[in-house]
């Protein structure tokens, strides 16, 4: 598939999955509903789609992955907004919106991480696993510290468990050098802490 084809797949997948996350809010139990409207949920969906696409070598250049991540994350949020509006919960999404900025900054990083998941270079492979792990852990910590009283603790705990599981899988199964393994752990801890601190600073406590 040509590059433009991968970008089209990313945009379409983002819109569809974003719409589905809005619909999931109507069927998920209360403890899991935050998945459908969380940074961690959108991150893991973006990462997973890029990882699947990057099984094909034509999708593996870092810049292809970066644009895929950008289109996916924006598509997820746009699809979520459109379907939520159709459900009777009107919202807006565009330049000037905080999450538009988040998608613009985070999407390419997550996309490159998805491509690097398949890298032959251990350091890049470590970073490819560290990014989703750090976001899932950091988002879980942020949720437990900031919104647990209104959302419950179940999804945020699951988010942390997913992040730890991704990190463990990368360290045990995908990396061989002790140095690179420790690098993956250190980057994940720093990334998770920075993520949680940033959102706690911007949004404040619960």
Protein backbone atom coordinates (compact mmCIF):
# COMPACT_ATOMS: atom_id res chain seq x y z
CA UNK A 1 0.00 0.00 0.00
CA UNK A 2 1.23 3.50 -0.77
CA UNK A 3 1.86 6.08 1.92
CA UNK A 4 -1.34 7.99 1.18
CA UNK A 5 -3.25 4.75 1.62
CA UNK A 6 -1.91 4.25 5.14
CA UNK A 7 -2.84 7.81 6.02
CA UNK A 8 -6.35 7.26 4.69
CA UNK A 9 -6.64 4.07 6.76
CA UNK A 10 -5.50 5.97 9.85
CA UNK A 11 -8.01 8.79 9.35
CA UNK A 12 -10.89 6.39 8.73
CA UNK A 13 -9.97 4.12 11.63
CA UNK A 14 -9.73 7.10 13.95
CA UNK A 15 -13.18 8.38 13.04
CA UNK A 16 -14.79 4.95 13.37
CA UNK A 17 -13.08 4.05 16.63
CA UNK A 18 -13.74 7.51 18.05
CA UNK A 19 -17.43 7.14 17.31
CA UNK A 20 -17.39 3.72 18.93
CA UNK A 21 -15.85 5.11 22.12
CA UNK A 22 -18.81 7.47 22.46
CA UNK A 23 -21.25 4.60 21.97
CA UNK A 24 -19.34 2.50 24.49
CA UNK A 25 -20.25 5.02 27.16
CA UNK A 26 -23.84 3.79 26.86
CA UNK A 27 -23.03 0.11 27.44
CA UNK A 28 -19.92 -0.10 29.61
CA UNK A 29 -20.40 -0.54 33.37
CA UNK A 30 -19.73 2.56 35.44
CA UNK A 31 -16.31 1.36 36.54
CA UNK A 32 -15.07 0.98 32.95
CA UNK A 33 -16.82 3.92 31.32
CA UNK A 34 -13.80 6.18 31.70
CA UNK A 35 -11.97 4.06 29.11
CA UNK A 36 -14.21 5.56 26.43
CA UNK A 37 -13.24 9.11 27.35
CA UNK A 38 -9.65 8.99 28.55
CA UNK A 39 -6.22 9.85 27.25
CA UNK A 40 -5.09 6.31 27.96
CA UNK A 41 -7.97 4.80 26.02
CA UNK A 42 -7.34 6.95 22.96
CA UNK A 43 -3.59 6.40 23.22
CA UNK A 44 -3.81 2.63 23.30
CA UNK A 45 -6.20 2.64 20.32
CA UNK A 46 -3.90 4.92 18.31
CA UNK A 47 -0.86 2.85 19.20
CA UNK A 48 -2.56 -0.47 18.41
CA UNK A 49 -3.71 0.63 14.95
CA UNK A 50 -0.24 1.90 14.02
CA UNK A 51 1.40 -1.29 15.33
CA UNK A 52 -0.93 -3.42 13.21
CA UNK A 53 -0.36 -1.29 10.10
CA UNK A 54 3.41 -1.27 10.66
CA UNK A 55 3.51 -5.03 10.20
CA UNK A 56 3.79 -4.01 6.55
CA UNK A 57 7.16 -2.46 5.78
CA UNK A 58 5.63 0.30 3.65
CA UNK A 59 4.13 1.77 6.84
CA UNK A 60 7.37 1.67 8.84
CA UNK A 61 9.17 4.91 7.95
CA UNK A 62 9.02 7.06 11.07
CA UNK A 63 7.40 9.97 9.24
CA UNK A 64 4.63 7.71 7.92
CA UNK A 65 3.94 6.58 11.48
CA UNK A 66 4.02 10.15 12.77
CA UNK A 67 1.33 11.29 10.34
CA UNK A 68 -0.70 8.14 11.00
CA UNK A 69 -0.63 8.88 14.72
CA UNK A 70 -1.63 12.49 14.11
CA UNK A 71 -4.58 11.50 11.91
CA UNK A 72 -5.64 8.70 14.22
CA UNK A 73 -5.68 10.77 17.39
CA UNK A 74 -7.49 13.66 15.74
CA UNK A 75 -9.90 11.20 14.12
CA UNK A 76 -10.65 9.56 17.46
CA UNK A 77 -11.52 12.86 19.10
CA UNK A 78 -13.49 14.11 16.10
CA UNK A 79 -15.42 10.85 15.81
CA UNK A 80 -16.15 10.92 19.53
CA UNK A 81 -17.41 14.50 19.31
CA UNK A 82 -19.63 13.87 16.28
CA UNK A 83 -21.29 10.76 17.71
CA UNK A 84 -21.70 12.36 21.14
CA UNK A 85 -23.41 15.32 19.47
CA UNK A 86 -25.74 12.97 17.59
CA UNK A 87 -26.54 11.31 20.92
CA UNK A 88 -27.66 14.65 22.31
CA UNK A 89 -24.46 15.72 24.04
CA UNK A 90 -23.24 18.55 21.80
CA UNK A 91 -19.58 19.41 21.86
CA UNK A 92 -16.97 21.10 19.74
CA UNK A 93 -13.50 20.10 18.63
CA UNK A 94 -11.02 22.20 16.73
CA UNK A 95 -8.12 24.67 16.97
CA UNK A 96 -8.09 26.37 20.35
CA UNK A 97 -9.49 23.33 22.13
CA UNK A 98 -7.07 21.81 24.65
CA UNK A 99 -7.51 18.30 23.33
CA UNK A 100 -6.89 19.50 19.77
CA UNK A 101 -3.48 20.64 21.01
CA UNK A 102 -2.94 17.37 22.86
CA UNK A 103 -3.78 15.34 19.75
CA UNK A 104 -1.50 17.49 17.61
CA UNK A 105 1.44 17.02 19.98
CA UNK A 106 0.87 13.47 21.19
CA UNK A 107 -0.45 11.83 18.03
CA UNK A 108 2.84 11.89 16.08
CA UNK A 109 4.78 10.64 19.12
CA UNK A 110 2.42 7.70 19.59
CA UNK A 111 2.55 6.98 15.87
CA UNK A 112 6.34 6.88 15.81
CA UNK A 113 6.27 4.63 18.89
CA UNK A 114 3.98 2.23 17.04
CA UNK A 115 6.41 2.05 14.13
CA UNK A 116 9.41 1.64 16.42
CA UNK A 117 7.68 -1.31 18.09
CA UNK A 118 8.96 -3.30 15.10
CA UNK A 119 12.41 -1.69 14.95
CA UNK A 120 15.52 -3.86 14.75
CA UNK A 121 17.36 -1.33 16.92
CA UNK A 122 16.93 -2.16 20.63
CA UNK A 123 16.88 1.45 21.83
CA UNK A 124 14.13 2.39 19.39
CA UNK A 125 12.21 -0.75 20.31
CA UNK A 126 12.50 0.25 23.98
CA UNK A 127 11.10 3.70 23.23
CA UNK A 128 8.34 2.14 21.14
CA UNK A 129 7.14 0.20 24.17
CA UNK A 130 7.83 2.92 26.70
CA UNK A 131 5.50 5.52 25.22
CA UNK A 132 2.19 3.64 25.61
CA UNK A 133 3.32 2.19 28.95
CA UNK A 134 4.12 5.64 30.32
CA UNK A 135 0.82 7.12 29.13
CA UNK A 136 -1.28 4.29 30.54
CA UNK A 137 0.47 4.43 33.92
CA UNK A 138 0.48 8.23 34.04
CA UNK A 139 -3.17 8.48 33.02
CA UNK A 140 -4.10 5.93 35.66
CA UNK A 141 -2.26 7.85 38.36
CA UNK A 142 -3.84 11.10 37.24
CA UNK A 143 -7.30 9.54 37.31
CA UNK A 144 -6.84 8.08 40.78
CA UNK A 145 -5.59 11.38 42.15
CA UNK A 146 -7.92 13.76 40.34
CA UNK A 147 -11.28 12.29 39.32
CA UNK A 148 -11.67 9.03 41.24
CA UNK A 149 -14.54 10.42 43.32
CA UNK A 150 -16.71 10.89 40.23
CA UNK A 151 -15.51 8.03 38.00
CA UNK A 152 -14.51 5.28 40.42
CA UNK A 153 -11.15 3.57 40.61
CA UNK A 154 -11.57 0.48 38.42
CA UNK A 155 -10.56 1.78 34.98
CA UNK A 156 -7.68 3.87 36.33
CA UNK A 157 -6.28 0.83 38.11
CA UNK A 158 -6.67 -1.27 34.95
CA UNK A 159 -4.89 1.48 33.01
CA UNK A 160 -1.89 1.25 35.34
CA UNK A 161 -1.90 -2.55 35.10
CA UNK A 162 -1.96 -2.35 31.29
CA UNK A 163 0.97 0.06 31.32
CA UNK A 164 3.00 -2.15 33.65
CA UNK A 165 2.13 -5.21 31.55
CA UNK A 166 3.27 -3.52 28.33
CA UNK A 167 6.53 -2.47 29.97
CA UNK A 168 7.08 -5.97 31.38
CA UNK A 169 6.43 -7.57 27.99
CA UNK A 170 8.90 -5.25 26.28
CA UNK A 171 11.59 -5.72 28.93
CA UNK A 172 11.27 -9.51 29.17
CA UNK A 173 10.41 -10.53 25.63
CA UNK A 174 11.63 -7.83 23.26
CA UNK A 175 14.88 -6.56 24.76
CA UNK A 176 18.06 -8.50 25.45
CA UNK A 177 20.53 -5.97 26.84
CA UNK A 178 20.30 -5.13 30.54
CA UNK A 179 21.23 -1.55 29.76
CA UNK A 180 18.40 -1.11 27.27
CA UNK A 181 16.00 -2.82 29.66
CA UNK A 182 16.84 -0.34 32.40
CA UNK A 183 16.52 2.47 29.87
CA UNK A 184 12.97 1.34 29.06
CA UNK A 185 12.08 1.21 32.75
CA UNK A 186 13.61 4.62 33.46
CA UNK A 187 11.93 6.28 30.49
CA UNK A 188 8.58 4.79 31.48
CA UNK A 189 8.84 6.02 35.07
CA UNK A 190 9.91 9.50 34.00
CA UNK A 191 7.26 9.65 31.28
CA UNK A 192 4.47 8.45 33.57
CA UNK A 193 5.46 10.92 36.27
CA UNK A 194 5.67 13.80 33.80
CA UNK A 195 2.30 12.88 32.29
CA UNK A 196 0.52 12.74 35.65
CA UNK A 197 2.21 15.92 36.88
CA UNK A 198 1.27 17.82 33.73
CA UNK A 199 -2.42 16.93 33.93
CA UNK A 200 -2.60 17.52 37.66
CA UNK A 201 -1.04 20.93 37.10
CA UNK A 202 -3.36 21.87 34.23
CA UNK A 203 -6.61 20.52 35.66
CA UNK A 204 -5.91 20.62 39.39
CA UNK A 205 -7.03 18.12 42.01
CA UNK A 206 -10.40 16.42 42.19
